[in-house]
Amino acid sequence: MRIEVVAFVLGGGVGKRLYPLTRDRVKPALPFGGNYRVIDFVLSNLIHSRIRKIYVLTQYEPRSLEQHILEGWGPIFGTGRYSMIRLLPAKEGLGSGWYTGTADALNKNKNYAWDAKPDIVNILGGDHVYLMDISLMNDFHLANNASLTISALPVPVSLASGKYGVLVVDKNWKLTGFEEKPKNPTPMPSNSKYCLASMGNYSFNLQALIEELVIDQHKKTSKDKALIASDPDSYSSHDFGFDVIPAMLKRGRAIYVYNFDENTIIGAGHKEKAYWRDIGDLDEFYNANMDLIGKSPLINLYNPRWEIFTRSESLQPAKYLNDSVVNDSLVSNGCIINNAVIESSILSYNVEVRQGANISDSIIMGNNTIGSNTIIRKSIIDREIIVPDNTSVGIDKDIDIRRGFTISRNGVTIIPKKYRF
């Protein structure tokens, strides 16, 4: 059955826990995996799912993200009636202004959905790394005649405690409750050791979405969660997870939960499992990048039938000189490695690594020069940083702190953009 789908990608998240990497860029614009930006994953999922009408909502520090989409994704989707990608920044004017929450962002742009009259409106986060055939969730949504379908990932109860929004379902996967980062999450019906963590991806019935946005719009805006919880009919933070979905559940809307574990993508091997990563803080961002390297990575970037598209920042091939050693690493176009050692690391575009340098367990984010005899361990070096000869990074954390670097909870050293040695 042919259906019409319009997708909204939320691309305005500040990403405070990823500071200083998000000081000058929005979270979905973060370089990832050498070649990509984080937002490339959701946009690639959409194009492979044959969803070709896409609006990207931007707000905080949008310049890098907008350039990436206009130059990299505009040519892929085009600007036609049936295939298009369009940026929707927060703007001035009647009914506009700075977005106060995810639901407010959609409310201020709901006319784009209403005018298209789609069968389904997908609302997707632009700041997660995952591979997903979104059309399968939409099929599930239609089969259940749902007002809303939420994708969820089964995770161990111990991992979800205090970290994820948890969805409670009956045996038919109909939503019966929503728990906001609970200390003791309710397990899923079929497995008492796992619960269902919301992925923040939604399939909405158009009419239901518009009605709920209008209801939420007329509530008083507040960031005080205790106040909202005491009188949710009067106050709202205009967020889908905290405000709109609980209100829909209270009104008896038909809300179903789609099990992401059952999602399959074309070309995936039988051992490949559904992959989704929240990169909410520096350590999660670092670990998600490290998932890509090694002999058996957790996410397969080499599936020719589900490739991740992007805007390439260099057309020159990587070059290795004078007995360089590179193991378990990703090295992007434009890199020059000169008699250096690279172990378990990711080098983005146009990184020059000079003679005698030794890099391990690190992420170099692009347009960098790594000086001769430099040693780098378990670090993230942001774009356009020049590391001088004979420098050590990530070896002595006290020295790194005195230099003004950030040290993550798990000991990753971060050198911020615009830093000068």
Protein backbone atom coordinates (compact mmCIF):
# COMPACT_ATOMS: atom_id res chain seq x y z
CA MET A 1 0.00 0.00 0.00
CA ARG A 2 1.36 3.41 -0.97
CA ILE A 3 1.20 5.98 1.81
CA GLU A 4 2.27 9.61 2.12
CA VAL A 5 4.73 10.43 4.88
CA VAL A 6 6.20 13.73 6.04
CA ALA A 7 9.17 13.64 8.41
CA PHE A 8 10.34 16.28 10.88
CA VAL A 9 13.89 15.91 12.20
CA LEU A 10 14.63 17.73 15.46
CA GLY A 11 18.05 19.29 14.95
CA GLY A 12 18.18 22.05 17.54
CA GLY A 13 19.42 20.33 20.69
CA VAL A 14 22.06 22.26 22.66
CA GLY A 15 23.83 19.17 24.01
CA LYS A 16 25.11 20.76 27.25
CA ARG A 17 26.63 17.50 28.51
CA LEU A 18 28.77 17.35 25.36
CA TYR A 19 30.43 20.69 26.07
CA PRO A 20 33.00 21.82 24.88
CA LEU A 21 32.34 19.89 21.64
CA THR A 22 28.96 21.64 21.35
CA ARG A 23 30.20 25.11 22.24
CA ASP A 24 30.18 26.24 18.60
CA ARG A 25 27.92 23.66 16.97
CA VAL A 26 24.64 21.90 17.56
CA LYS A 27 24.75 18.25 18.64
CA PRO A 28 23.51 16.73 15.32
CA ALA A 29 26.36 18.55 13.51
CA LEU A 30 29.10 16.81 15.50
CA PRO A 31 31.63 15.00 13.31
CA PHE A 32 31.24 11.26 13.82
CA GLY A 33 33.05 8.16 12.63
CA GLY A 34 35.57 10.04 10.52
CA ASN A 35 33.44 10.73 7.46
CA TYR A 36 30.07 11.68 8.89
CA ARG A 37 28.01 14.09 10.97
CA VAL A 38 25.59 12.64 13.53
CA ILE A 39 22.53 13.80 11.59
CA ASP A 40 23.62 11.74 8.56
CA PHE A 41 22.30 8.59 10.23
CA VAL A 42 18.67 9.67 10.59
CA LEU A 43 18.66 11.27 7.12
CA SER A 44 20.13 8.11 5.57
CA ASN A 45 17.52 6.01 7.38
CA LEU A 46 14.80 8.20 5.89
CA ILE A 47 16.07 8.00 2.33
CA HIS A 48 16.46 4.20 2.53
CA SER A 49 12.96 3.99 4.04
CA ARG A 50 11.68 5.87 0.96
CA ILE A 51 10.57 8.90 2.96
CA ARG A 52 11.43 11.88 0.82
CA LYS A 53 9.63 14.89 2.34
CA ILE A 54 11.80 16.06 5.19
CA TYR A 55 11.90 19.18 7.36
CA VAL A 56 14.89 19.76 9.65
CA LEU A 57 14.14 22.05 12.59
CA THR A 58 17.17 24.05 13.70
CA GLN A 59 17.82 26.51 16.51
CA TYR A 60 21.04 26.50 18.57
CA GLU A 61 24.30 27.33 16.67
CA PRO A 62 22.87 26.15 13.32
CA ARG A 63 25.55 27.34 10.89
CA SER A 64 27.60 24.14 10.64
CA LEU A 65 24.48 21.97 10.40
CA GLU A 66 22.84 24.17 7.79
CA GLN A 67 25.94 24.19 5.59
CA HIS A 68 26.23 20.42 5.83
CA ILE A 69 22.60 19.86 4.83
CA LEU A 70 22.47 22.46 2.07
CA GLU A 71 25.71 21.29 0.42
CA GLY A 72 25.49 17.57 1.17
CA TRP A 73 21.82 16.66 1.37
CA GLY A 74 20.11 19.22 -0.84
CA PRO A 75 21.49 17.59 -4.01
CA ILE A 76 20.35 14.14 -2.82
CA PHE A 77 16.74 15.05 -2.07
CA GLY A 78 16.28 17.96 -4.44
CA THR A 79 13.68 20.68 -4.00
CA GLY A 80 10.68 19.20 -5.81
CA ARG A 81 7.14 18.57 -4.67
CA TYR A 82 7.62 14.86 -3.97
CA SER A 83 11.25 14.81 -2.88
CA MET A 84 12.70 17.61 -0.76
CA ILE A 85 14.63 18.54 2.35
CA ARG A 86 14.07 21.93 3.94
CA LEU A 87 15.53 23.72 6.93
CA LEU A 88 13.10 25.33 9.37
CA PRO A 89 15.04 27.61 11.74
CA ALA A 90 13.46 29.33 14.70
CA LYS A 91 12.32 32.67 13.32
CA GLU A 92 10.55 35.87 14.12
CA GLY A 93 6.97 36.61 13.16
CA LEU A 94 3.42 35.74 14.18
CA GLY A 95 3.34 32.42 16.01
CA SER A 96 7.10 32.00 15.72
CA GLY A 97 10.10 32.69 17.93
CA TRP A 98 12.57 30.56 19.91
CA TYR A 99 11.42 26.95 20.39
CA THR A 100 10.72 26.17 24.04
CA GLY A 101 10.49 22.40 23.60
CA THR A 102 10.15 19.61 21.05
CA ALA A 103 6.36 19.93 20.86
CA ASP A 104 6.60 23.71 20.58
CA ALA A 105 8.99 23.32 17.64
CA LEU A 106 6.41 21.17 15.83
CA ASN A 107 3.53 23.42 16.82
CA LYS A 108 5.21 26.45 15.26
CA ASN A 109 5.67 24.50 12.02
CA LYS A 110 2.52 22.38 11.99
CA ASN A 111 1.18 24.05 8.85
CA TYR A 112 3.86 22.26 6.83
CA ALA A 113 2.39 18.94 7.97
CA TRP A 114 -1.24 20.01 7.61
CA ASP A 115 -0.79 21.36 4.08
CA ALA A 116 0.79 18.09 2.87
CA LYS A 117 -2.09 15.95 4.28
CA PRO A 118 0.14 12.89 4.88
CA ASP A 119 -1.05 9.54 6.21
CA ILE A 120 1.74 9.61 8.79
CA VAL A 121 3.92 12.30 10.35
CA ASN A 122 7.27 10.99 11.55
CA ILE A 123 9.06 13.00 14.24
CA LEU A 124 12.65 11.90 14.73
CA GLY A 125 15.62 13.03 16.78
CA GLY A 126 18.65 14.18 14.83
CA ASP A 127 21.14 13.44 17.60
CA HIS A 128 21.21 9.63 17.85
CA VAL A 129 23.34 7.12 15.97
CA TYR A 130 21.29 4.19 14.67
CA LEU A 131 20.27 2.16 11.63
CA MET A 132 16.51 1.72 11.19
CA ASP A 133 13.96 0.99 8.49
CA ILE A 134 11.40 3.58 9.56
CA SER A 135 8.82 2.23 7.09
CA LEU A 136 8.48 -0.91 9.25
CA MET A 137 7.48 1.21 12.24
CA ASN A 138 4.99 3.04 10.03
CA ASP A 139 3.50 -0.28 8.88
CA PHE A 140 3.10 -1.30 12.53
CA HIS A 141 1.45 2.07 13.24
CA LEU A 142 -1.12 1.64 10.48
CA ALA A 143 -1.82 -2.01 11.34
CA ASN A 144 -2.80 -0.96 14.87
CA ASN A 145 -4.80 2.08 13.73
CA ALA A 146 -2.79 4.05 16.27
CA SER A 147 -2.92 7.76 17.04
CA LEU A 148 0.77 7.53 17.97
CA THR A 149 3.48 4.89 17.77
CA ILE A 150 6.71 5.24 19.75
CA SER A 151 9.84 3.26 18.92
CA ALA A 152 11.49 1.67 21.92
CA LEU A 153 14.66 -0.27 22.59
CA PRO A 154 14.74 -3.13 25.13
CA VAL A 155 17.53 -2.36 27.61
CA PRO A 156 18.55 -3.97 30.91
CA VAL A 157 16.54 -2.60 33.82
CA SER A 158 19.75 -1.73 35.66
CA LEU A 159 21.00 0.36 32.72
CA ALA A 160 17.74 2.28 32.31
CA SER A 161 17.45 3.20 35.99
CA GLY A 162 17.52 6.99 36.32
CA LYS A 163 18.69 7.41 32.73
CA TYR A 164 15.94 6.73 30.16
CA GLY A 165 12.26 7.42 29.81
CA VAL A 166 10.59 4.01 30.16
CA LEU A 167 7.46 2.86 28.33
CA VAL A 168 5.04 0.45 30.02
CA VAL A 169 2.98 -1.74 27.68
CA ASP A 170 0.42 -4.54 27.78
CA LYS A 171 0.78 -7.88 25.99
CA ASN A 172 -0.35 -6.27 22.71
CA TRP A 173 2.32 -3.54 22.99
CA LYS A 174 -0.25 -0.86 23.70
CA LEU A 175 1.11 1.88 25.96
CA THR A 176 -0.32 1.83 29.48
CA GLY A 177 2.16 4.07 31.29
CA PHE A 178 5.16 6.36 30.90
CA GLU A 179 7.93 6.63 33.50
CA GLU A 180 10.29 9.63 33.42
CA LYS A 181 13.79 8.26 34.21
CA PRO A 182 12.52 6.00 37.02
CA LYS A 183 14.71 4.55 39.74
CA ASN A 184 12.94 1.18 39.42
CA PRO A 185 11.76 0.80 35.81
CA THR A 186 8.79 -1.44 35.00
CA PRO A 187 10.00 -4.50 33.03
CA MET A 188 8.60 -5.40 29.63
CA PRO A 189 5.92 -8.15 29.61
CA SER A 190 8.03 -10.88 28.01
CA ASN A 191 11.30 -10.33 29.90
CA SER A 192 11.56 -9.24 33.53
CA LYS A 193 15.25 -8.30 33.15
CA TYR A 194 14.58 -5.75 30.39
CA CYS A 195 12.46 -2.63 30.05
CA LEU A 196 11.51 -0.47 27.08
CA ALA A 197 13.51 2.75 26.69
CA SER A 198 11.93 5.40 24.50
CA MET A 199 14.07 6.26 21.47
CA GLY A 200 12.27 9.57 20.87
CA ASN A 201 11.10 8.50 17.40
CA TYR A 202 7.38 8.86 16.67
CA SER A 203 4.78 7.99 14.04
CA PHE A 204 1.73 10.25 14.40
CA ASN A 205 -1.69 10.26 12.87
CA LEU A 206 -1.95 13.76 11.38
CA GLN A 207 -5.28 14.70 12.93
CA ALA A 208 -4.25 13.46 16.37
CA LEU A 209 -0.95 15.36 16.18
CA ILE A 210 -2.56 18.67 15.25
CA GLU A 211 -5.22 18.35 17.96
CA GLU A 212 -2.66 17.55 20.65
CA LEU A 213 -0.35 20.38 19.60
CA VAL A 214 -3.22 22.89 19.77
CA ILE A 215 -4.23 21.65 23.23
CA ASP A 216 -0.64 21.87 24.48
CA GLN A 217 -0.17 25.31 22.90
CA HIS A 218 -2.83 26.86 25.11
CA LYS A 219 -1.22 25.74 28.37
CA LYS A 220 0.97 28.13 30.33
CA THR A 221 4.68 27.63 29.68
CA SER A 222 6.77 26.46 32.63
CA LYS A 223 10.08 24.66 33.17
CA ASP A 224 9.11 23.70 36.73
CA LYS A 225 8.42 19.97 36.43
CA ALA A 226 6.92 19.79 39.88
CA LEU A 227 4.43 22.53 39.01
CA ILE A 228 3.56 20.83 35.71
CA ALA A 229 3.07 17.47 37.46
CA SER A 230 0.73 19.10 39.99
CA ASP A 231 -1.47 20.65 37.28
CA PRO A 232 -0.73 19.19 33.82
CA ASP A 233 -3.98 20.56 32.42
CA SER A 234 -2.77 24.13 32.96
CA TYR A 235 1.02 24.02 32.61
CA SER A 236 3.42 22.53 30.06
CA SER A 237 7.09 22.61 29.09
CA HIS A 238 5.89 21.80 25.54
CA ASP A 239 7.88 18.59 25.30
CA PHE A 240 6.57 15.43 23.64
CA GLY A 241 7.96 12.99 26.20
CA PHE A 242 7.14 14.93 29.37
CA ASP A 243 3.92 16.72 28.38
CA VAL A 244 2.16 15.66 25.19
CA ILE A 245 2.42 11.87 25.39
CA PRO A 246 1.28 11.60 29.04
CA ALA A 247 -1.64 13.90 28.19
CA MET A 248 -2.57 11.72 25.21
CA LEU A 249 -2.41 8.62 27.39
CA LYS A 250 -4.65 10.26 29.99
CA ARG A 251 -7.19 11.09 27.27
CA GLY A 252 -7.28 7.48 26.12
CA ARG A 253 -5.56 7.91 22.77
CA ALA A 254 -4.47 4.69 21.05
CA ILE A 255 -0.71 4.70 21.61
CA TYR A 256 1.42 1.71 20.64
CA VAL A 257 5.07 0.88 21.13
CA TYR A 258 7.22 -0.50 18.31
CA ASN A 259 9.97 -2.93 19.35
CA PHE A 260 13.18 -1.71 17.72
CA ASP A 261 14.75 -5.13 18.29
CA GLU A 262 12.45 -6.48 15.58
CA ASN A 263 13.55 -3.90 13.02
CA THR A 264 15.63 -5.18 10.12
CA ILE A 265 17.36 -3.30 7.34
CA ILE A 266 18.04 -4.46 3.80
CA GLY A 267 21.41 -6.10 3.35
CA ALA A 268 22.06 -6.74 7.04
CA GLY A 269 23.71 -10.01 8.01
CA HIS A 270 21.90 -12.50 10.22
CA LYS A 271 24.23 -11.69 13.13
CA GLU A 272 23.68 -7.96 12.91
CA LYS A 273 21.45 -6.72 15.69
CA ALA A 274 19.46 -3.51 15.89
CA TYR A 275 21.92 -0.72 16.77
CA TRP A 276 21.04 2.53 18.54
CA ARG A 277 23.24 4.79 20.61
CA ASP A 278 22.37 7.88 22.61
CA ILE A 279 25.40 10.19 22.55
CA GLY A 280 24.19 12.34 25.42
CA ASP A 281 27.55 13.00 27.07
CA LEU A 282 31.25 12.98 26.24
CA ASP A 283 31.83 9.36 27.25
CA GLU A 284 28.81 8.11 25.29
CA PHE A 285 30.01 10.05 22.25
CA TYR A 286 33.50 8.60 22.60
CA ASN A 287 32.21 5.04 23.09
CA ALA A 288 29.85 5.26 20.11
CA ASN A 289 32.78 6.27 17.90
CA MET A 290 34.87 3.41 19.27
CA ASP A 291 32.03 1.02 18.37
CA LEU A 292 32.98 1.57 14.71
CA ILE A 293 36.53 0.22 14.82
CA GLY A 294 38.02 -3.23 15.17
CA LYS A 295 37.41 -6.51 13.33
CA SER A 296 33.78 -6.97 14.41
CA PRO A 297 32.24 -3.51 14.91
CA LEU A 298 28.83 -3.25 16.55
CA ILE A 299 27.52 -1.15 13.66
CA ASN A 300 28.18 -2.03 10.00
CA LEU A 301 29.08 0.97 7.84
CA TYR A 302 29.89 -1.26 4.88
CA ASN A 303 26.40 -2.47 3.93
CA PRO A 304 26.11 -1.42 0.25
CA ARG A 305 22.31 -1.52 0.46
CA TRP A 306 22.11 0.74 3.53
CA GLU A 307 25.01 3.10 3.13
CA ILE A 308 25.30 6.26 5.21
CA PHE A 309 25.30 9.31 2.94
CA THR A 310 27.17 12.49 3.81
CA ARG A 311 28.87 15.59 2.50
CA SER A 312 32.49 14.71 1.80
CA GLU A 313 34.93 17.39 2.91
CA SER A 314 37.83 16.00 0.89
CA LEU A 315 38.17 14.21 -2.44
CA GLN A 316 41.88 13.44 -2.03
CA PRO A 317 42.82 9.87 -1.00
CA ALA A 318 44.54 9.12 2.29
CA LYS A 319 48.30 8.60 2.01
CA TYR A 320 50.72 6.55 4.15
CA LEU A 321 54.46 7.26 4.00
CA ASN A 322 57.70 5.71 5.30
CA ASP A 323 56.61 2.55 7.11
CA SER A 324 53.59 4.04 8.90
CA VAL A 325 51.61 1.58 11.04
CA VAL A 326 47.80 1.76 11.19
CA ASN A 327 45.75 -0.85 13.09
CA ASP A 328 42.03 -1.11 13.96
CA SER A 329 41.40 2.47 12.84
CA LEU A 330 39.34 4.57 10.45
CA VAL A 331 41.28 7.08 8.33
CA SER A 332 39.33 9.50 6.13
CA ASN A 333 40.11 11.20 2.83
CA GLY A 334 42.84 13.81 2.75
CA CYS A 335 44.85 12.34 5.65
CA ILE A 336 48.64 12.03 5.36
CA ILE A 337 50.36 9.65 7.77
CA ASN A 338 54.16 10.01 7.69
CA ASN A 339 56.14 7.33 9.56
CA ALA A 340 53.67 7.40 12.45
CA VAL A 341 51.68 4.84 14.47
CA ILE A 342 47.87 4.93 14.61
CA GLU A 343 46.13 2.38 16.87
CA SER A 344 42.39 2.03 17.56
CA SER A 345 41.65 5.61 16.49
CA ILE A 346 39.48 7.61 14.11
CA LEU A 347 40.92 10.34 11.90
CA SER A 348 38.48 12.61 10.09
CA TYR A 349 39.24 14.57 6.93
CA ASN A 350 42.58 16.26 6.21
CA VAL A 351 44.62 15.21 9.25
CA GLU A 352 48.39 15.37 8.85
CA VAL A 353 50.28 13.13 11.25
CA ARG A 354 54.01 13.85 11.17
CA GLN A 355 57.03 11.64 11.67
CA GLY A 356 57.32 9.73 14.93
CA ALA A 357 53.83 10.60 16.23
CA ASN A 358 51.92 7.89 18.10
CA ILE A 359 48.12 8.04 18.43
CA SER A 360 45.95 5.45 20.16
CA ASP A 361 42.34 5.18 21.36
CA SER A 362 41.62 8.70 20.10
CA ILE A 363 39.37 10.72 17.80
CA ILE A 364 40.90 13.44 15.63
CA MET A 365 38.00 15.46 14.24
CA GLY A 366 39.46 16.96 11.07
CA ASN A 367 41.75 19.61 9.54
CA ASN A 368 44.40 18.92 12.19
CA THR A 369 48.17 18.77 12.25
CA ILE A 370 49.77 16.36 14.72
CA GLY A 371 53.40 17.29 15.25
CA SER A 372 56.47 15.06 15.10
CA ASN A 373 57.07 12.73 18.08
CA THR A 374 53.74 13.69 19.63
CA ILE A 375 51.97 11.10 21.81
CA ILE A 376 48.16 11.12 22.07
CA ARG A 377 46.19 8.70 24.27
CA LYS A 378 42.42 8.37 24.78
CA SER A 379 41.61 11.87 23.59
CA ILE A 380 39.20 13.79 21.39
CA ILE A 381 40.89 16.60 19.47
CA ASP A 382 38.42 18.98 17.86
CA ARG A 383 38.76 20.42 14.38
CA GLU A 384 41.55 22.72 13.23
CA ILE A 385 43.78 22.11 16.26
CA ILE A 386 47.53 22.11 15.62
CA VAL A 387 49.37 19.94 18.15
CA PRO A 388 53.08 20.98 18.28
CA ASP A 389 56.06 18.65 18.02
CA ASN A 390 57.03 16.61 21.10
CA THR A 391 53.69 17.15 22.85
CA SER A 392 51.91 14.61 25.05
CA VAL A 393 48.09 14.59 25.35
CA GLY A 394 46.09 12.22 27.54
CA ILE A 395 49.15 10.95 29.42
CA ASP A 396 49.10 13.19 32.50
CA LYS A 397 45.59 14.37 33.35
CA ASP A 398 46.85 17.04 35.75
CA ILE A 399 48.85 18.65 32.96
CA ASP A 400 45.85 18.41 30.62
CA ILE A 401 43.65 20.17 33.17
CA ARG A 402 46.20 22.96 33.67
CA ARG A 403 46.23 23.49 29.91
CA GLY A 404 42.48 24.09 30.06
CA PHE A 405 41.39 20.76 28.54
CA THR A 406 38.21 18.97 29.62
CA ILE A 407 38.49 15.51 31.20
CA SER A 408 35.39 13.33 30.94
CA ARG A 409 34.04 11.19 33.76
CA ASN A 410 35.81 8.13 32.29
CA GLY A 411 39.09 9.90 31.66
CA VAL A 412 38.84 11.04 28.03
CA THR A 413 40.81 14.23 27.34
CA ILE A 414 39.02 16.76 25.11
CA ILE A 415 40.85 19.61 23.36
CA PRO A 416 38.21 22.18 22.33
CA LYS A 417 37.91 23.92 19.00
CA LYS A 418 39.97 27.13 18.65
CA TYR A 419 42.49 26.02 21.29
CA ARG A 420 46.03 27.19 20.66
CA PHE A 421 49.08 25.58 22.28
